[in-house]
Amino acid sequence: MPDVLLDVRNLSVEYSVARGRLKAVTDVSFAIHRGEFFGLAGESGCGKSTIAFAIMRLLKGAASVSGGEINFKGGNVLAFGEERLRLFRWEKASMVLQSAMNNLNPVITVGSQLCDAIMAHQPLSPGEARNRARELLALVNIDTDRISAYPHELSGGMRQRVVIAMAMALKPDLIIFDEPTTALDVVVQYNIIRKILELKKEMGFSILFITHDLPLMLEICDRIGIMYAGRMVELSPVEEMRRGARHPYTRGLLRAFPSLLGEKVKLSGIPGSVPDLITPPDGCLFYPRCSQRQEICGRTIPGFTGPGEDHFCACFYQAAAGAGDA
């Protein structure tokens, strides 16, 4: 489609470990449109961050893409040469990682780090780059005098906003946010999310937002993909997921979070644990944890289908949307 910015098709990623090949991501497909706020949710270890690192070609060591394509504006990122990949990163797509303190050099001022990122891609003088760095700090509500500060002199929320400023430095079409509010208190989290929404509206970039906080995604995203054990199990516009999630795992995630506005209800977790991804069981990977399982679920992998063209679910039980317990 003309407005598709990123098209991930049948992506699979494996990690080489002592026991064999761990299937971290298996046959995952989704697209992100221009200007869209797309979310990936799921438990820790479900493959969300692995997908982000694969998109940016940052997988290292034991990790490797074992199948699929990652198409950005029609070009397969996995086939990019060194120079095209360098131009793709930061200029076309950038990434905000989980821990801001770990992503900033502790012995270099934040201004110098912003200038380095800018001058690596644009033919600006040091003075011009420094002026641009000041503009970026102001954009994320940081006093421009802080351009000479070191990371340890800033609060956690300010450091995270510096990283967001760095990600926007070259005005990319896509920004990936991987748990951008991890380890921040709820007030700072709110301010960070509000600033991200403001900047998206002002600059028009697309967002891939990764978190385990599904209720948050229901408030800020346009569409959401639900990951479980390396597979996409549900993909839906926010409005449809609010009306009724179709996969038992998605409904289980929603019941595990308290409502801020609704009646008080007893929260319930999802029993059991994620299967071994080195030797995964036959059939649906959620089968051992699902109280709605049927005999077919234990021997056959469900297809990724849905009642409409926008809502897809990998579950034989999806016809009873919103019913029962996970």
Foldseek 3Di string as FASTA:
>chain_A
DVFWFKWWFQWWKWFQDPVGIFTQAGGATDTFGFLFAEEEAEDPSLNQVVVVCVLLVNDDDRMDTPDTFIAGSRDTLVPDDPVVSVCCELQAEYEQDAALVVVFDQVAQLLVVLLVLLVVHDVDDSVVSSVLLLVLLVLLPHHSVSSRPGPVVDDRLSSLSSSVSSSCSNPHQEYEYANSCPPHDPVSVVSVVVSVVVVCVVSRHYYYYYDNPVVVCLVPGQKYWYGANNYTFKIAGSVVVVVFDQDQVSVQSVLQDADPPDDGDDGDHFDDDFDRSRDQFAADRCQVRDPPDDPRRRHHFADFADPDPGITGRDPRRVPTRDDHD
